[in-house]
């Protein structure tokens, strides 16, 4: 039976050279094996995604979020187990390992949270760009909770009594919440907007007397670019308390037009008005005719009311409304139908004078 060579028995820092070589081998193998495994899984990521395997894709994402610094810490920890140290040195290694491992756990949990949120949005068919602000709000609040729990668990693993710390954080949290009720209300409002989604970035909205397009949904405020050009900043809590009309989610917009015809228009031409208006509406892109009827016999004109809908997409409403109005004017002109305008009649008080009319 062969004996251990003498040079491997040389003592260095309280450990024989043989143990040092074994520790070095463990360190090198750990740093080589895990990155190689991560690379192989990354190469199969697109294949798994095409096969609809979310759990495998999540595994690849978690490996991708594995910190190199944590890998080094784990490799050092495994190598350190091959050696003998004093209690003080062991304590230092334990502190490094505990914080390193729990930091990696925090990264994995944050990655998993983002993965599940985005995967849910992808399955529901939501526009990723439109809901990016909502995702960031949820991620901010989620990561705040995750890292708070990670810190407490890491301290508990190191033997620190966290009971007093948790109680102090609870009391301090209540005091802070009372001091910043307005800010906290806005933060909770942002969370409500993120989950309930009454609107997303890009939606055209009307909030009380403010009308515009949503540009950003933040932790505390929502920014709306009004139709007059200025940016309006609204607190999230105020937005939720207001009457909000989301015009960006209207499949169609209703248009009501009143047409006033002169009283001297012949009846055969009056009867043609609904058909002419229908032709003009149906010639417009994305327009749907509803009705056109003689709504009122006014003071100076025969008043028709035309109602139609326009598909609300890609700024289509103004263009189609303009085309329909031009079509009505062209068809009325071709049919010899004249639109009325207000007139007034003036009477002379002098004896024997005839009353005169003027426009």
Protein backbone atom coordinates (compact mmCIF):
# COMPACT_ATOMS: atom_id res chain seq x y z
CA UNK A 1 0.00 0.00 0.00
CA UNK A 2 1.56 3.29 -1.12
CA UNK A 3 2.00 6.04 1.41
CA UNK A 4 1.29 9.75 0.90
CA UNK A 5 4.31 11.59 -0.52
CA UNK A 6 6.10 13.69 2.05
CA UNK A 7 5.65 16.99 0.20
CA UNK A 8 1.86 16.60 0.45
CA UNK A 9 2.22 16.52 4.21
CA UNK A 10 3.77 19.96 4.38
CA UNK A 11 1.68 22.12 6.74
CA UNK A 12 0.61 25.55 5.50
CA UNK A 13 -1.71 27.77 7.58
CA UNK A 14 -2.63 24.80 9.73
CA UNK A 15 -3.57 22.48 6.81
CA UNK A 16 -1.46 19.95 4.86
CA UNK A 17 -0.69 20.65 1.23
CA UNK A 18 -2.86 17.68 0.23
CA UNK A 19 -5.96 19.40 1.63
CA UNK A 20 -5.01 22.64 -0.06
CA UNK A 21 -4.79 20.87 -3.45
CA UNK A 22 -8.12 19.16 -2.85
CA UNK A 23 -9.72 22.50 -1.94
CA UNK A 24 -8.28 24.09 -5.08
CA UNK A 25 -9.68 21.23 -7.20
CA UNK A 26 -13.14 21.70 -5.69
CA UNK A 27 -12.94 25.45 -6.31
CA UNK A 28 -11.96 25.03 -9.99
CA UNK A 29 -14.52 22.30 -10.72
CA UNK A 30 -17.33 24.39 -9.19
CA UNK A 31 -16.43 27.41 -11.31
CA UNK A 32 -16.27 25.27 -14.47
CA UNK A 33 -19.25 22.94 -14.09
CA UNK A 34 -22.01 25.45 -13.21
CA UNK A 35 -21.22 27.96 -16.04
CA UNK A 36 -21.00 25.06 -18.52
CA UNK A 37 -24.42 23.80 -17.40
CA UNK A 38 -25.84 27.31 -17.70
CA UNK A 39 -24.48 27.64 -21.23
CA UNK A 40 -26.08 24.36 -22.35
CA UNK A 41 -29.47 25.37 -20.96
CA UNK A 42 -29.26 28.80 -22.62
CA UNK A 43 -28.63 27.11 -25.97
CA UNK A 44 -31.92 25.21 -25.60
CA UNK A 45 -33.91 28.21 -24.42
CA UNK A 46 -35.42 29.13 -27.80
CA UNK A 47 -36.32 25.49 -28.46
CA UNK A 48 -38.15 25.22 -25.15
CA UNK A 49 -39.91 28.53 -25.77
CA UNK A 50 -41.17 27.27 -29.13
CA UNK A 51 -42.42 24.11 -27.42
CA UNK A 52 -44.29 26.18 -24.83
CA UNK A 53 -42.32 25.00 -21.82
CA UNK A 54 -42.45 27.94 -19.37
CA UNK A 55 -40.87 26.07 -16.46
CA UNK A 56 -37.80 25.17 -18.48
CA UNK A 57 -37.56 28.75 -19.70
CA UNK A 58 -37.80 29.92 -16.09
CA UNK A 59 -34.94 27.57 -15.17
CA UNK A 60 -32.81 29.15 -17.89
CA UNK A 61 -33.68 32.65 -16.67
CA UNK A 62 -32.75 31.72 -13.10
CA UNK A 63 -29.41 30.36 -14.24
CA UNK A 64 -28.88 33.51 -16.26
CA UNK A 65 -29.47 35.59 -13.13
CA UNK A 66 -26.94 33.57 -11.15
CA UNK A 67 -24.34 36.10 -10.07
CA UNK A 68 -20.69 35.31 -10.85
CA UNK A 69 -19.76 36.76 -7.48
CA UNK A 70 -22.12 34.30 -5.79
CA UNK A 71 -20.60 31.45 -7.80
CA UNK A 72 -17.19 32.42 -6.49
CA UNK A 73 -18.56 32.61 -2.95
CA UNK A 74 -20.12 29.12 -3.26
CA UNK A 75 -16.90 27.74 -4.73
CA UNK A 76 -14.89 29.25 -1.86
CA UNK A 77 -17.37 27.82 0.66
CA UNK A 78 -17.13 24.30 -0.79
CA UNK A 79 -13.36 24.54 -0.92
CA UNK A 80 -13.24 25.89 2.64
CA UNK A 81 -15.02 22.76 3.86
CA UNK A 82 -11.92 20.76 2.84
CA UNK A 83 -9.79 22.77 5.28
CA UNK A 84 -9.65 23.33 9.02
CA UNK A 85 -9.85 26.86 10.41
CA UNK A 86 -10.11 28.60 13.71
CA UNK A 87 -13.62 29.49 14.98
CA UNK A 88 -13.11 33.18 14.15
CA UNK A 89 -12.18 32.44 10.53
CA UNK A 90 -15.09 29.98 10.22
CA UNK A 91 -17.42 32.72 11.45
CA UNK A 92 -16.19 35.11 8.76
CA UNK A 93 -16.76 32.48 6.07
CA UNK A 94 -20.24 31.77 7.44
CA UNK A 95 -21.20 35.45 7.26
CA UNK A 96 -19.95 35.73 3.67
CA UNK A 97 -21.69 32.53 2.61
CA UNK A 98 -25.03 33.36 4.26
CA UNK A 99 -25.27 36.83 2.73
CA UNK A 100 -24.00 35.57 -0.62
CA UNK A 101 -26.53 32.73 -0.82
CA UNK A 102 -29.48 34.84 0.31
CA UNK A 103 -28.51 37.58 -2.12
CA UNK A 104 -28.69 34.99 -4.89
CA UNK A 105 -32.05 33.77 -3.60
CA UNK A 106 -33.33 37.35 -3.73
CA UNK A 107 -32.18 37.66 -7.37
CA UNK A 108 -33.89 34.38 -8.25
CA UNK A 109 -37.17 35.34 -6.57
CA UNK A 110 -37.19 38.76 -8.28
CA UNK A 111 -36.53 37.10 -11.65
CA UNK A 112 -39.31 34.57 -11.05
CA UNK A 113 -41.74 37.37 -10.10
CA UNK A 114 -41.03 39.30 -13.31
CA UNK A 115 -41.28 36.08 -15.35
CA UNK A 116 -44.72 35.19 -13.97
CA UNK A 117 -46.04 38.75 -14.48
CA UNK A 118 -44.83 38.95 -18.08
CA UNK A 119 -45.94 35.38 -18.82
CA UNK A 120 -49.46 36.19 -17.56
CA UNK A 121 -49.59 39.33 -19.72
CA UNK A 122 -48.37 37.37 -22.74
CA UNK A 123 -51.09 34.75 -22.28
CA UNK A 124 -53.77 37.43 -21.91
CA UNK A 125 -52.62 39.11 -25.15
CA UNK A 126 -51.71 42.45 -23.53
CA UNK A 127 -49.43 44.92 -25.30
CA UNK A 128 -46.06 44.65 -23.54
CA UNK A 129 -45.09 48.26 -24.31
CA UNK A 130 -48.38 49.61 -23.07
CA UNK A 131 -48.25 47.88 -19.69
CA UNK A 132 -44.53 48.35 -19.00
CA UNK A 133 -45.25 51.01 -16.36
CA UNK A 134 -47.62 48.66 -14.53
CA UNK A 135 -44.97 45.93 -14.52
CA UNK A 136 -42.37 48.29 -13.07
CA UNK A 137 -44.75 49.38 -10.29
CA UNK A 138 -45.46 45.78 -9.27
CA UNK A 139 -41.76 44.90 -9.51
CA UNK A 140 -40.75 47.86 -7.34
CA UNK A 141 -43.18 46.96 -4.55
CA UNK A 142 -42.45 43.24 -4.89
CA UNK A 143 -38.69 43.70 -4.72
CA UNK A 144 -39.06 45.98 -1.70
CA UNK A 145 -40.82 43.18 0.16
CA UNK A 146 -38.49 40.46 -1.14
CA UNK A 147 -35.28 42.16 -0.05
CA UNK A 148 -36.73 43.09 3.35
CA UNK A 149 -37.58 39.43 3.99
CA UNK A 150 -34.19 38.28 2.64
CA UNK A 151 -32.34 40.60 5.03
CA UNK A 152 -34.32 39.41 8.05
CA UNK A 153 -33.87 35.71 7.16
CA UNK A 154 -30.12 36.17 6.59
CA UNK A 155 -29.71 37.83 9.99
CA UNK A 156 -31.73 35.04 11.59
CA UNK A 157 -29.47 32.41 9.99
CA UNK A 158 -26.46 34.15 11.52
CA UNK A 159 -27.99 33.83 14.98
CA UNK A 160 -29.12 37.44 15.31
CA UNK A 161 -32.31 37.84 17.36
CA UNK A 162 -34.63 39.57 14.92
CA UNK A 163 -37.72 39.62 17.17
CA UNK A 164 -36.97 43.10 18.45
CA UNK A 165 -36.02 44.23 14.95
CA UNK A 166 -39.31 43.00 13.47
CA UNK A 167 -41.27 44.67 16.28
CA UNK A 168 -39.33 47.91 15.79
CA UNK A 169 -39.92 47.79 12.05
CA UNK A 170 -43.64 47.26 12.67
CA UNK A 171 -43.92 50.24 15.01
CA UNK A 172 -41.73 52.36 12.77
CA UNK A 173 -43.77 51.34 9.73
CA UNK A 174 -46.99 52.46 11.40
CA UNK A 175 -45.43 55.80 12.37
CA UNK A 176 -44.09 56.35 8.87
CA UNK A 177 -47.44 55.37 7.33
CA UNK A 178 -49.25 57.96 9.48
CA UNK A 179 -46.69 60.61 8.57
CA UNK A 180 -46.88 60.00 4.82
CA UNK A 181 -50.53 59.10 4.36
CA UNK A 182 -50.83 61.09 1.13
CA UNK A 183 -47.73 59.54 -0.45
CA UNK A 184 -48.75 56.07 0.74
CA UNK A 185 -52.21 56.58 -0.76
CA UNK A 186 -50.62 57.42 -4.11
CA UNK A 187 -48.36 54.35 -3.93
CA UNK A 188 -51.33 52.10 -3.19
CA UNK A 189 -53.18 53.87 -5.98
CA UNK A 190 -50.38 52.97 -8.40
CA UNK A 191 -50.68 49.35 -7.30
CA UNK A 192 -54.43 49.47 -7.91
CA UNK A 193 -53.88 50.94 -11.38
CA UNK A 194 -51.28 48.24 -12.13
CA UNK A 195 -53.62 45.38 -11.20
CA UNK A 196 -57.02 46.76 -12.24
CA UNK A 197 -55.71 48.52 -15.39
CA UNK A 198 -58.42 51.17 -15.89
CA UNK A 199 -55.97 52.61 -18.43
CA UNK A 200 -52.46 52.01 -19.75
CA UNK A 201 -49.83 54.20 -21.40
CA UNK A 202 -51.11 55.41 -24.76
CA UNK A 203 -54.82 55.43 -23.88
CA UNK A 204 -56.86 58.55 -24.63
CA UNK A 205 -58.67 59.46 -21.41
CA UNK A 206 -60.87 62.14 -19.92
CA UNK A 207 -60.42 62.72 -16.17
CA UNK A 208 -62.98 65.27 -14.95
CA UNK A 209 -62.24 68.30 -17.16
CA UNK A 210 -58.85 67.04 -18.40
CA UNK A 211 -58.65 65.26 -21.74
CA UNK A 212 -55.47 63.83 -23.22
CA UNK A 213 -53.21 60.81 -23.69
CA UNK A 214 -51.57 58.89 -20.84
CA UNK A 215 -47.78 59.25 -21.10
CA UNK A 216 -46.55 57.66 -17.88
CA UNK A 217 -47.90 55.83 -14.84
CA UNK A 218 -45.49 56.17 -11.93
CA UNK A 219 -45.29 55.20 -8.29
CA UNK A 220 -46.83 58.49 -7.11
CA UNK A 221 -48.34 60.21 -10.12
CA UNK A 222 -49.83 59.74 -13.58
CA UNK A 223 -48.82 62.08 -16.40
CA UNK A 224 -51.28 63.00 -19.12
CA UNK A 225 -50.47 64.98 -22.27
CA UNK A 226 -53.56 67.14 -22.72
CA UNK A 227 -55.11 67.91 -26.10
CA UNK A 228 -53.90 71.52 -25.75
CA UNK A 229 -50.28 70.35 -25.46
CA UNK A 230 -49.31 70.77 -21.81
CA UNK A 231 -48.42 67.87 -19.53
CA UNK A 232 -50.79 67.43 -16.58
CA UNK A 233 -49.45 65.60 -13.51
CA UNK A 234 -52.15 63.92 -11.42
CA UNK A 235 -51.74 62.10 -8.10
CA UNK A 236 -52.68 58.44 -8.44
CA UNK A 237 -55.11 58.64 -5.51
CA UNK A 238 -56.88 61.60 -7.17
CA UNK A 239 -57.12 59.70 -10.46
CA UNK A 240 -58.89 56.78 -8.76
CA UNK A 241 -61.33 59.15 -7.05
CA UNK A 242 -62.25 60.92 -10.30
CA UNK A 243 -64.74 59.96 -12.98
CA UNK A 244 -62.51 58.53 -15.69
CA UNK A 245 -63.57 57.95 -19.28
CA UNK A 246 -61.19 55.78 -21.28
CA UNK A 247 -61.82 56.80 -24.86
CA UNK A 248 -58.88 54.74 -26.09
CA UNK A 249 -60.90 51.56 -25.50
CA UNK A 250 -63.95 52.69 -27.46
CA UNK A 251 -64.37 50.36 -30.45
CA UNK A 252 -66.41 53.08 -32.17
CA UNK A 253 -67.12 56.77 -31.68
CA UNK A 254 -70.61 58.18 -32.09
CA UNK A 255 -71.01 61.26 -34.28
CA UNK A 256 -74.15 63.41 -34.29
CA UNK A 257 -74.57 66.07 -36.97
CA UNK A 258 -77.45 68.54 -37.36
CA UNK A 259 -78.25 69.67 -40.90
CA UNK A 260 -80.46 72.76 -41.36
CA UNK A 261 -82.26 73.10 -44.69
CA UNK A 262 -83.91 76.26 -46.00
CA UNK A 263 -87.73 76.34 -45.74
CA UNK A 264 -88.12 76.89 -49.47
CA UNK A 265 -86.50 73.49 -50.23
CA UNK A 266 -88.96 71.43 -52.38
CA UNK A 267 -90.46 68.39 -50.63
CA UNK A 268 -89.06 65.93 -53.16
CA UNK A 269 -85.57 67.13 -52.27
CA UNK A 270 -86.31 67.04 -48.54
CA UNK A 271 -87.24 63.37 -48.88
CA UNK A 272 -83.85 62.67 -50.54
CA UNK A 273 -81.81 63.95 -47.57
CA UNK A 274 -81.63 60.64 -45.57
CA UNK A 275 -80.49 58.68 -48.64
CA UNK A 276 -77.87 61.29 -49.57
CA UNK A 277 -76.51 61.33 -46.01
CA UNK A 278 -76.38 57.50 -45.94
CA UNK A 279 -74.34 57.52 -49.17
CA UNK A 280 -71.91 60.07 -47.73
CA UNK A 281 -71.47 58.13 -44.47
CA UNK A 282 -70.99 54.74 -46.11
CA UNK A 283 -68.34 56.21 -48.40
CA UNK A 284 -66.23 57.15 -45.35
CA UNK A 285 -63.56 54.72 -44.14
CA UNK A 286 -64.72 52.76 -41.09
CA UNK A 287 -68.06 54.64 -40.85
CA UNK A 288 -71.36 52.92 -40.00
CA UNK A 289 -74.64 54.68 -40.74
CA UNK A 290 -77.35 54.61 -38.04
CA UNK A 291 -80.10 57.08 -38.92
CA UNK A 292 -81.02 60.41 -40.49
CA UNK A 293 -84.41 61.95 -39.86
CA UNK A 294 -86.27 65.29 -39.70
CA UNK A 295 -85.79 66.04 -36.01
CA UNK A 296 -87.31 69.49 -35.73
CA UNK A 297 -89.11 72.24 -37.63
CA UNK A 298 -87.04 75.09 -36.34
CA UNK A 299 -87.45 78.84 -36.29
CA UNK A 300 -85.67 79.38 -39.57
CA UNK A 301 -84.85 75.88 -40.95
CA UNK A 302 -85.85 72.24 -41.32
CA UNK A 303 -83.46 70.48 -38.94
CA UNK A 304 -82.26 66.97 -39.78
CA UNK A 305 -80.28 64.88 -37.29
CA UNK A 306 -77.72 62.41 -38.71
CA UNK A 307 -76.17 59.75 -36.45
CA UNK A 308 -73.33 57.42 -37.41
CA UNK A 309 -70.38 55.60 -35.83
CA UNK A 310 -66.69 55.64 -36.81
CA UNK A 311 -64.21 52.87 -35.95
CA UNK A 312 -61.83 54.27 -33.32
CA UNK A 313 -58.40 53.24 -34.59
CA UNK A 314 -55.16 54.97 -35.67
CA UNK A 315 -56.56 58.51 -35.62
CA UNK A 316 -59.28 57.46 -38.03
CA UNK A 317 -62.06 59.60 -36.50
CA UNK A 318 -61.01 63.11 -37.68
CA UNK A 319 -60.19 61.93 -41.21
CA UNK A 320 -63.46 60.04 -41.61
CA UNK A 321 -65.54 62.88 -40.14
CA UNK A 322 -63.96 65.30 -42.60
CA UNK A 323 -64.61 62.92 -45.52
CA UNK A 324 -68.26 62.41 -44.51
CA UNK A 325 -68.89 66.16 -44.15
CA UNK A 326 -67.36 66.84 -47.56
CA UNK A 327 -69.46 64.04 -49.04
CA UNK A 328 -72.67 65.54 -47.61
CA UNK A 329 -71.87 69.00 -48.99
CA UNK A 330 -71.01 67.59 -52.43
CA UNK A 331 -74.21 65.52 -52.65
CA UNK A 332 -76.38 68.41 -51.44
CA UNK A 333 -74.81 70.71 -54.02
CA UNK A 334 -75.40 68.16 -56.79
CA UNK A 335 -79.04 67.72 -55.71
CA UNK A 336 -79.65 71.46 -55.44
CA UNK A 337 -80.27 71.39 -51.68
CA UNK A 338 -79.39 74.61 -49.85
CA UNK A 339 -78.41 74.80 -46.20
CA UNK A 340 -80.17 77.51 -44.19
CA UNK A 341 -78.63 80.30 -42.14
CA UNK A 342 -80.23 82.47 -39.42
CA UNK A 343 -82.30 85.41 -40.67
CA UNK A 344 -84.13 88.18 -38.82
CA UNK A 345 -87.07 90.38 -39.86
CA UNK A 346 -87.06 94.10 -39.09
CA UNK A 347 -90.23 96.17 -38.90
CA UNK A 348 -90.43 99.92 -39.45
CA UNK A 349 -92.52 101.95 -37.00
CA UNK A 350 -93.30 104.71 -39.49
CA UNK A 351 -96.87 104.86 -40.78
CA UNK A 352 -97.56 103.05 -43.99
CA UNK A 353 -94.11 101.45 -44.17
CA UNK A 354 -93.83 97.84 -45.27
CA UNK A 355 -91.83 95.42 -43.04
CA UNK A 356 -88.43 94.51 -44.40
CA UNK A 357 -86.32 91.36 -43.89
CA UNK A 358 -82.56 91.22 -43.61
CA UNK A 359 -80.02 88.47 -43.05
